[in-house]
Amino acid sequence: MQRRSFLLGMLTLIALAPVKVWAALWNKTAFEAVKINDATRSLNISAEIPTQDIVIIAPDRAENGAIVQVEVHSKIENTEAIAILVEHNPTPLIANFMFSNGAEPFVITRIKMAETSDLKIIVKSGTQYFTRSKNIIVLENGCG
């Protein structure tokens, strides 16, 4: 019974939340950018610090670009966000995950890749942005 009450309460909250609140969570300009530099600029990222403290688990060669599994784990203290970008995609910003209240900065997802490209991860911690990249060879295009 408690679970039903909780679910009903959450659905009510979602239905009553102002549209502006939900829109503020989504950075339309960044997600619609067609160049990686425009996407990072829209995320207010000015300088990136290369680091080995971002762990990327993804295939070196993707048989099918339509389904590329990516795991990202940030070892950077106080990670607030993890952005996933693919340079040669029609829209480079794939996802931007936010973390709070001590949530473990770990993401596992499947993405589409249009062609062979660098997978770029950007981690936000405080006012700093850290980055790491991995090249993935796409054998069969996933998006266009």
N, C-alpha and C. Protein backbone atom coordinates (compact mmCIF):
# COMPACT_ATOMS: atom_id res chain seq x y z
N MET A 1 0.82 -1.19 0.00
CA MET A 1 0.00 0.00 0.00
C MET A 1 0.87 1.27 0.00
N GLN A 2 1.99 1.21 0.72
CA GLN A 2 2.86 2.37 0.78
C GLN A 2 3.45 2.68 -0.60
N ARG A 3 3.76 1.63 -1.33
CA ARG A 3 4.35 1.82 -2.65
C ARG A 3 3.36 2.52 -3.58
N ARG A 4 2.09 2.12 -3.52
CA ARG A 4 1.07 2.77 -4.35
C ARG A 4 0.91 4.23 -3.98
N SER A 5 0.93 4.51 -2.70
CA SER A 5 0.81 5.90 -2.25
C SER A 5 2.00 6.73 -2.74
N PHE A 6 3.18 6.14 -2.66
CA PHE A 6 4.37 6.83 -3.12
C PHE A 6 4.29 7.11 -4.62
N LEU A 7 3.92 6.09 -5.40
CA LEU A 7 3.82 6.26 -6.85
C LEU A 7 2.76 7.29 -7.22
N LEU A 8 1.64 7.26 -6.54
CA LEU A 8 0.58 8.22 -6.80
C LEU A 8 1.06 9.64 -6.47
N GLY A 9 1.79 9.77 -5.37
CA GLY A 9 2.33 11.07 -4.99
C GLY A 9 3.34 11.59 -6.00
N MET A 10 4.21 10.71 -6.49
CA MET A 10 5.21 11.11 -7.49
C MET A 10 4.54 11.52 -8.79
N LEU A 11 3.54 10.76 -9.23
CA LEU A 11 2.83 11.11 -10.46
C LEU A 11 2.12 12.46 -10.33
N THR A 12 1.55 12.70 -9.18
CA THR A 12 0.90 13.99 -8.93
C THR A 12 1.90 15.12 -8.98
N LEU A 13 3.06 14.92 -8.35
CA LEU A 13 4.11 15.94 -8.34
C LEU A 13 4.58 16.24 -9.76
N ILE A 14 4.79 15.21 -10.54
CA ILE A 14 5.24 15.39 -11.92
C ILE A 14 4.18 16.14 -12.73
N ALA A 15 2.94 15.77 -12.56
CA ALA A 15 1.86 16.41 -13.32
C ALA A 15 1.69 17.88 -12.94
N LEU A 16 1.94 18.21 -11.69
CA LEU A 16 1.74 19.58 -11.23
C LEU A 16 2.97 20.47 -11.37
N ALA A 17 4.12 19.88 -11.64
CA ALA A 17 5.35 20.67 -11.76
C ALA A 17 5.25 21.59 -12.98
N PRO A 18 5.67 22.83 -12.83
CA PRO A 18 5.61 23.75 -13.97
C PRO A 18 6.51 23.28 -15.11
N VAL A 19 6.06 23.53 -16.31
CA VAL A 19 6.82 23.15 -17.50
C VAL A 19 8.18 23.82 -17.50
N LYS A 20 8.26 25.05 -17.00
CA LYS A 20 9.53 25.78 -16.99
C LYS A 20 10.58 25.06 -16.15
N VAL A 21 10.16 24.40 -15.08
CA VAL A 21 11.10 23.66 -14.23
C VAL A 21 11.72 22.52 -15.02
N TRP A 22 10.90 21.77 -15.74
CA TRP A 22 11.42 20.65 -16.53
C TRP A 22 12.27 21.15 -17.68
N ALA A 23 11.88 22.26 -18.30
CA ALA A 23 12.66 22.81 -19.41
C ALA A 23 14.03 23.29 -18.95
N ALA A 24 14.11 23.78 -17.72
CA ALA A 24 15.40 24.26 -17.19
C ALA A 24 16.40 23.13 -17.03
N LEU A 25 15.91 21.91 -16.85
CA LEU A 25 16.80 20.77 -16.69
C LEU A 25 17.42 20.33 -18.01
N TRP A 26 16.83 20.73 -19.12
CA TRP A 26 17.30 20.32 -20.44
C TRP A 26 17.89 21.52 -21.16
N ASN A 27 19.14 21.42 -21.54
CA ASN A 27 19.84 22.50 -22.23
C ASN A 27 19.65 22.29 -23.72
N LYS A 28 18.58 22.84 -24.26
CA LYS A 28 18.21 22.64 -25.66
C LYS A 28 19.32 23.04 -26.62
N THR A 29 19.94 24.19 -26.38
CA THR A 29 21.00 24.68 -27.27
C THR A 29 22.16 23.69 -27.35
N ALA A 30 22.57 23.15 -26.21
CA ALA A 30 23.69 22.20 -26.19
C ALA A 30 23.33 20.91 -26.92
N PHE A 31 22.13 20.41 -26.71
CA PHE A 31 21.73 19.15 -27.34
C PHE A 31 21.45 19.29 -28.83
N GLU A 32 21.16 20.49 -29.29
CA GLU A 32 20.89 20.70 -30.71
C GLU A 32 22.12 21.17 -31.49
N ALA A 33 23.21 21.45 -30.80
CA ALA A 33 24.44 21.91 -31.46
C ALA A 33 24.94 20.84 -32.43
N VAL A 34 25.45 21.28 -33.58
CA VAL A 34 25.95 20.33 -34.58
C VAL A 34 27.46 20.21 -34.57
N LYS A 35 28.13 21.07 -33.80
CA LYS A 35 29.58 20.98 -33.64
C LYS A 35 29.90 20.79 -32.17
N ILE A 36 30.91 19.97 -31.90
CA ILE A 36 31.25 19.65 -30.52
C ILE A 36 31.64 20.89 -29.72
N ASN A 37 32.34 21.83 -30.35
CA ASN A 37 32.74 23.06 -29.65
C ASN A 37 31.53 23.90 -29.26
N ASP A 38 30.50 23.92 -30.11
CA ASP A 38 29.28 24.66 -29.79
C ASP A 38 28.53 24.00 -28.63
N ALA A 39 28.54 22.67 -28.61
CA ALA A 39 27.87 21.95 -27.52
C ALA A 39 28.56 22.22 -26.19
N THR A 40 29.89 22.16 -26.16
CA THR A 40 30.60 22.41 -24.90
C THR A 40 30.46 23.87 -24.48
N ARG A 41 30.45 24.78 -25.42
CA ARG A 41 30.25 26.20 -25.10
C ARG A 41 28.86 26.42 -24.50
N SER A 42 27.86 25.73 -25.03
CA SER A 42 26.49 25.83 -24.50
C SER A 42 26.36 25.24 -23.10
N LEU A 43 27.27 24.33 -22.76
CA LEU A 43 27.30 23.77 -21.40
C LEU A 43 28.14 24.64 -20.47
N ASN A 44 28.60 25.79 -20.98
CA ASN A 44 29.44 26.74 -20.22
C ASN A 44 30.78 26.16 -19.82
N ILE A 45 31.34 25.31 -20.69
CA ILE A 45 32.65 24.71 -20.46
C ILE A 45 33.67 25.54 -21.23
N SER A 46 34.59 26.17 -20.50
CA SER A 46 35.59 26.99 -21.17
C SER A 46 36.94 26.28 -21.27
N ALA A 47 37.36 25.67 -20.18
CA ALA A 47 38.66 24.99 -20.17
C ALA A 47 38.47 23.57 -19.65
N GLU A 48 39.15 22.63 -20.31
CA GLU A 48 39.07 21.21 -19.93
C GLU A 48 40.44 20.73 -19.48
N ILE A 49 40.46 19.95 -18.42
CA ILE A 49 41.70 19.42 -17.87
C ILE A 49 41.75 17.92 -18.18
N PRO A 50 42.71 17.47 -19.01
CA PRO A 50 42.84 16.03 -19.29
C PRO A 50 43.17 15.26 -18.00
N THR A 51 42.57 14.07 -17.85
CA THR A 51 42.80 13.27 -16.66
C THR A 51 42.64 11.79 -16.96
N GLN A 52 43.30 10.98 -16.14
CA GLN A 52 43.14 9.52 -16.20
C GLN A 52 42.13 9.07 -15.14
N ASP A 53 41.56 10.00 -14.38
CA ASP A 53 40.61 9.67 -13.32
C ASP A 53 39.19 9.46 -13.83
N ILE A 54 39.03 9.44 -15.13
CA ILE A 54 37.76 9.09 -15.75
C ILE A 54 37.97 7.73 -16.41
N VAL A 55 37.20 6.75 -16.00
CA VAL A 55 37.31 5.40 -16.56
C VAL A 55 36.23 5.24 -17.63
N ILE A 56 36.67 4.91 -18.84
CA ILE A 56 35.75 4.68 -19.96
C ILE A 56 35.86 3.21 -20.36
N ILE A 57 34.74 2.52 -20.31
CA ILE A 57 34.69 1.14 -20.79
C ILE A 57 33.76 1.13 -22.00
N ALA A 58 34.37 0.97 -23.16
CA ALA A 58 33.65 0.95 -24.43
C ALA A 58 34.48 0.13 -25.40
N PRO A 59 33.84 -0.43 -26.42
CA PRO A 59 34.60 -1.25 -27.36
C PRO A 59 35.58 -0.41 -28.19
N ASP A 60 36.69 -1.02 -28.57
CA ASP A 60 37.62 -0.37 -29.48
C ASP A 60 37.01 -0.33 -30.88
N ARG A 61 36.25 -1.39 -31.20
CA ARG A 61 35.59 -1.52 -32.50
C ARG A 61 34.13 -1.88 -32.24
N ALA A 62 33.24 -1.07 -32.78
CA ALA A 62 31.80 -1.34 -32.65
C ALA A 62 31.31 -1.96 -33.94
N GLU A 63 30.76 -3.17 -33.84
CA GLU A 63 30.23 -3.85 -35.02
C GLU A 63 29.09 -3.06 -35.65
N ASN A 64 28.26 -2.45 -34.79
CA ASN A 64 27.09 -1.71 -35.25
C ASN A 64 27.01 -0.40 -34.48
N GLY A 65 27.13 0.72 -35.17
CA GLY A 65 27.10 2.02 -34.52
C GLY A 65 25.77 2.36 -33.90
N ALA A 66 24.71 1.60 -34.23
CA ALA A 66 23.39 1.87 -33.66
C ALA A 66 23.31 1.46 -32.20
N ILE A 67 24.20 0.57 -31.76
CA ILE A 67 24.18 0.10 -30.38
C ILE A 67 25.61 -0.02 -29.88
N VAL A 68 26.09 1.03 -29.21
CA VAL A 68 27.43 1.01 -28.64
C VAL A 68 27.30 1.20 -27.14
N GLN A 69 27.64 0.17 -26.40
CA GLN A 69 27.53 0.26 -24.93
C GLN A 69 28.73 1.01 -24.37
N VAL A 70 28.43 1.96 -23.49
CA VAL A 70 29.45 2.82 -22.88
C VAL A 70 29.25 2.84 -21.38
N GLU A 71 30.34 2.63 -20.65
CA GLU A 71 30.33 2.76 -19.19
C GLU A 71 31.32 3.85 -18.82
N VAL A 72 30.91 4.72 -17.91
CA VAL A 72 31.78 5.81 -17.46
C VAL A 72 31.74 5.84 -15.93
N HIS A 73 32.92 5.89 -15.35
CA HIS A 73 33.04 6.02 -13.89
C HIS A 73 34.02 7.13 -13.60
N SER A 74 33.58 8.10 -12.81
CA SER A 74 34.46 9.21 -12.45
C SER A 74 35.06 8.94 -11.07
N LYS A 75 36.38 9.02 -11.00
CA LYS A 75 37.08 8.91 -9.73
C LYS A 75 37.40 10.30 -9.17
N ILE A 76 36.84 11.32 -9.80
CA ILE A 76 37.08 12.71 -9.41
C ILE A 76 36.14 13.05 -8.25
N GLU A 77 36.73 13.56 -7.19
CA GLU A 77 35.97 13.89 -5.99
C GLU A 77 34.93 14.97 -6.30
N ASN A 78 33.76 14.83 -5.70
CA ASN A 78 32.65 15.78 -5.84
C ASN A 78 32.17 15.95 -7.28
N THR A 79 32.12 14.84 -8.02
CA THR A 79 31.60 14.88 -9.38
C THR A 79 30.15 15.33 -9.36
N GLU A 80 29.85 16.36 -10.16
CA GLU A 80 28.49 16.90 -10.24
C GLU A 80 27.78 16.50 -11.53
N ALA A 81 28.56 16.27 -12.61
CA ALA A 81 27.95 15.95 -13.89
C ALA A 81 28.92 15.18 -14.76
N ILE A 82 28.35 14.33 -15.62
CA ILE A 82 29.11 13.60 -16.62
C ILE A 82 28.42 13.82 -17.96
N ALA A 83 29.14 14.41 -18.91
CA ALA A 83 28.62 14.63 -20.26
C ALA A 83 29.30 13.65 -21.21
N ILE A 84 28.51 13.08 -22.12
CA ILE A 84 29.01 12.16 -23.13
C ILE A 84 28.82 12.82 -24.49
N LEU A 85 29.93 12.93 -25.24
CA LEU A 85 29.88 13.56 -26.56
C LEU A 85 30.55 12.65 -27.59
N VAL A 86 30.07 12.72 -28.83
CA VAL A 86 30.67 11.99 -29.95
C VAL A 86 30.86 13.01 -31.07
N GLU A 87 32.12 13.28 -31.38
CA GLU A 87 32.47 14.38 -32.28
C GLU A 87 31.80 14.31 -33.65
N HIS A 88 31.79 13.15 -34.29
CA HIS A 88 31.29 13.05 -35.67
C HIS A 88 29.82 12.66 -35.76
N ASN A 89 29.06 12.82 -34.70
CA ASN A 89 27.62 12.58 -34.76
C ASN A 89 26.92 13.84 -35.27
N PRO A 90 25.72 13.69 -35.83
CA PRO A 90 24.96 14.87 -36.28
C PRO A 90 24.74 15.88 -35.15
N THR A 91 24.49 15.39 -33.95
CA THR A 91 24.43 16.23 -32.75
C THR A 91 25.36 15.58 -31.74
N PRO A 92 26.51 16.20 -31.46
CA PRO A 92 27.56 15.57 -30.66
C PRO A 92 27.22 15.27 -29.19
N LEU A 93 26.39 16.12 -28.55
CA LEU A 93 26.08 15.88 -27.14
C LEU A 93 25.06 14.76 -27.04
N ILE A 94 25.49 13.63 -26.50
CA ILE A 94 24.64 12.46 -26.37
C ILE A 94 23.84 12.51 -25.08
N ALA A 95 24.51 12.84 -23.98
CA ALA A 95 23.85 12.85 -22.67
C ALA A 95 24.62 13.75 -21.72
N ASN A 96 23.90 14.26 -20.72
CA ASN A 96 24.52 15.05 -19.66
C ASN A 96 23.85 14.64 -18.35
N PHE A 97 24.52 13.80 -17.59
CA PHE A 97 23.98 13.25 -16.35
C PHE A 97 24.40 14.12 -15.17
N MET A 98 23.45 14.42 -14.28
CA MET A 98 23.71 15.22 -13.09
C MET A 98 23.69 14.32 -11.86
N PHE A 99 24.59 14.61 -10.90
CA PHE A 99 24.70 13.83 -9.68
C PHE A 99 24.60 14.77 -8.48
N SER A 100 23.95 14.30 -7.41
CA SER A 100 23.87 15.11 -6.20
C SER A 100 23.77 14.22 -4.98
N ASN A 101 23.94 14.82 -3.83
CA ASN A 101 23.80 14.14 -2.55
C ASN A 101 24.64 12.87 -2.43
N GLY A 102 25.85 12.91 -2.94
CA GLY A 102 26.77 11.79 -2.80
C GLY A 102 26.48 10.60 -3.70
N ALA A 103 25.70 10.80 -4.76
CA ALA A 103 25.42 9.71 -5.71
C ALA A 103 26.72 9.26 -6.36
N GLU A 104 26.82 7.97 -6.60
CA GLU A 104 28.03 7.44 -7.22
C GLU A 104 28.09 7.89 -8.68
N PRO A 105 29.18 8.54 -9.09
CA PRO A 105 29.29 9.04 -10.46
C PRO A 105 29.64 7.92 -11.44
N PHE A 106 28.63 7.12 -11.76
CA PHE A 106 28.78 5.97 -12.64
C PHE A 106 27.60 5.94 -13.60
N VAL A 107 27.89 5.75 -14.87
CA VAL A 107 26.85 5.71 -15.90
C VAL A 107 27.12 4.53 -16.81
N ILE A 108 26.07 3.83 -17.16
CA ILE A 108 26.16 2.80 -18.20
C ILE A 108 24.97 3.02 -19.13
N THR A 109 25.26 3.15 -20.42
CA THR A 109 24.20 3.44 -21.38
C THR A 109 24.60 2.91 -22.75
N ARG A 110 23.67 2.92 -23.65
CA ARG A 110 23.95 2.57 -25.04
C ARG A 110 23.74 3.82 -25.87
N ILE A 111 24.65 4.05 -26.78
CA ILE A 111 24.58 5.25 -27.62
C ILE A 111 24.62 4.85 -29.09
N LYS A 112 24.32 5.82 -29.95
CA LYS A 112 24.46 5.64 -31.39
C LYS A 112 25.66 6.45 -31.85
N MET A 113 26.41 5.88 -32.77
CA MET A 113 27.55 6.58 -33.37
C MET A 113 27.40 6.54 -34.88
N ALA A 114 27.49 7.70 -35.51
CA ALA A 114 27.32 7.80 -36.96
C ALA A 114 28.49 7.19 -37.71
N GLU A 115 29.71 7.34 -37.14
CA GLU A 115 30.92 6.86 -37.80
C GLU A 115 32.05 6.78 -36.79
N THR A 116 33.19 6.29 -37.24
CA THR A 116 34.37 6.23 -36.38
C THR A 116 34.66 7.62 -35.82
N SER A 117 34.86 7.68 -34.51
CA SER A 117 35.01 8.97 -33.87
C SER A 117 35.56 8.81 -32.47
N ASP A 118 35.96 9.94 -31.88
CA ASP A 118 36.33 9.94 -30.47
C ASP A 118 35.07 10.06 -29.62
N LEU A 119 35.02 9.24 -28.61
CA LEU A 119 34.01 9.35 -27.56
C LEU A 119 34.65 10.25 -26.50
N LYS A 120 34.02 11.37 -26.21
CA LYS A 120 34.60 12.33 -25.28
C LYS A 120 33.73 12.42 -24.04
N ILE A 121 34.36 12.29 -22.89
CA ILE A 121 33.67 12.40 -21.61
C ILE A 121 34.17 13.66 -20.92
N ILE A 122 33.23 14.46 -20.41
CA ILE A 122 33.58 15.65 -19.64
C ILE A 122 32.91 15.53 -18.27
N VAL A 123 33.71 15.66 -17.22
CA VAL A 123 33.22 15.57 -15.85
C VAL A 123 33.33 16.95 -15.20
N LYS A 124 32.24 17.38 -14.58
CA LYS A 124 32.23 18.66 -13.86
C LYS A 124 32.38 18.40 -12.37
N SER A 125 33.30 19.12 -11.76
CA SER A 125 33.50 19.08 -10.31
C SER A 125 33.77 20.51 -9.86
N GLY A 126 32.82 21.09 -9.14
CA GLY A 126 32.96 22.49 -8.75
C GLY A 126 32.95 23.37 -9.98
N THR A 127 33.99 24.17 -10.13
CA THR A 127 34.09 25.06 -11.30
C THR A 127 35.04 24.50 -12.36
N GLN A 128 35.52 23.27 -12.16
CA GLN A 128 36.48 22.68 -13.09
C GLN A 128 35.82 21.60 -13.93
N TYR A 129 36.37 21.43 -15.14
CA TYR A 129 35.89 20.41 -16.07
C TYR A 129 37.07 19.53 -16.47
N PHE A 130 36.90 18.24 -16.31
CA PHE A 130 37.94 17.26 -16.62
C PHE A 130 37.48 16.44 -17.82
N THR A 131 38.43 15.97 -18.61
CA THR A 131 38.05 15.26 -19.83
C THR A 131 38.95 14.06 -20.10
N ARG A 132 38.36 13.12 -20.80
CA ARG A 132 39.10 11.96 -21.30
C ARG A 132 38.37 11.48 -22.54
N SER A 133 39.12 10.97 -23.51
CA SER A 133 38.54 10.51 -24.77
C SER A 133 39.00 9.10 -25.11
N LYS A 134 38.20 8.45 -25.93
CA LYS A 134 38.56 7.12 -26.44
C LYS A 134 38.06 7.04 -27.88
N ASN A 135 38.92 6.61 -28.79
CA ASN A 135 38.53 6.44 -30.17
C ASN A 135 37.82 5.11 -30.35
N ILE A 136 36.68 5.15 -31.02
CA ILE A 136 35.92 3.94 -31.31
C ILE A 136 35.75 3.82 -32.82
N ILE A 137 36.16 2.70 -33.35
CA ILE A 137 36.03 2.42 -34.78
C ILE A 137 34.65 1.80 -35.01
N VAL A 138 33.86 2.45 -35.84
CA VAL A 138 32.49 1.97 -36.15
C VAL A 138 32.54 1.25 -37.49
N LEU A 139 32.15 -0.02 -37.48
CA LEU A 139 32.18 -0.83 -38.71
C LEU A 139 30.91 -0.68 -39.55
N GLU A 140 29.77 -0.43 -38.88
CA GLU A 140 28.48 -0.24 -39.58
C GLU A 140 27.81 0.98 -38.96
N ASN A 141 27.51 1.99 -39.77
CA ASN A 141 26.97 3.26 -39.26
C ASN A 141 25.66 3.06 -38.50
N GLY A 142 25.51 3.87 -37.44
CA GLY A 142 24.34 3.77 -36.59
C GLY A 142 23.34 4.88 -36.77
N CYS A 143 23.78 6.05 -37.16
CA CYS A 143 22.85 7.18 -37.35
C CYS A 143 23.42 8.09 -38.41
N GLY A 144 22.60 8.93 -38.95
CA GLY A 144 23.09 9.75 -40.02
C GLY A 144 22.47 11.09 -40.13
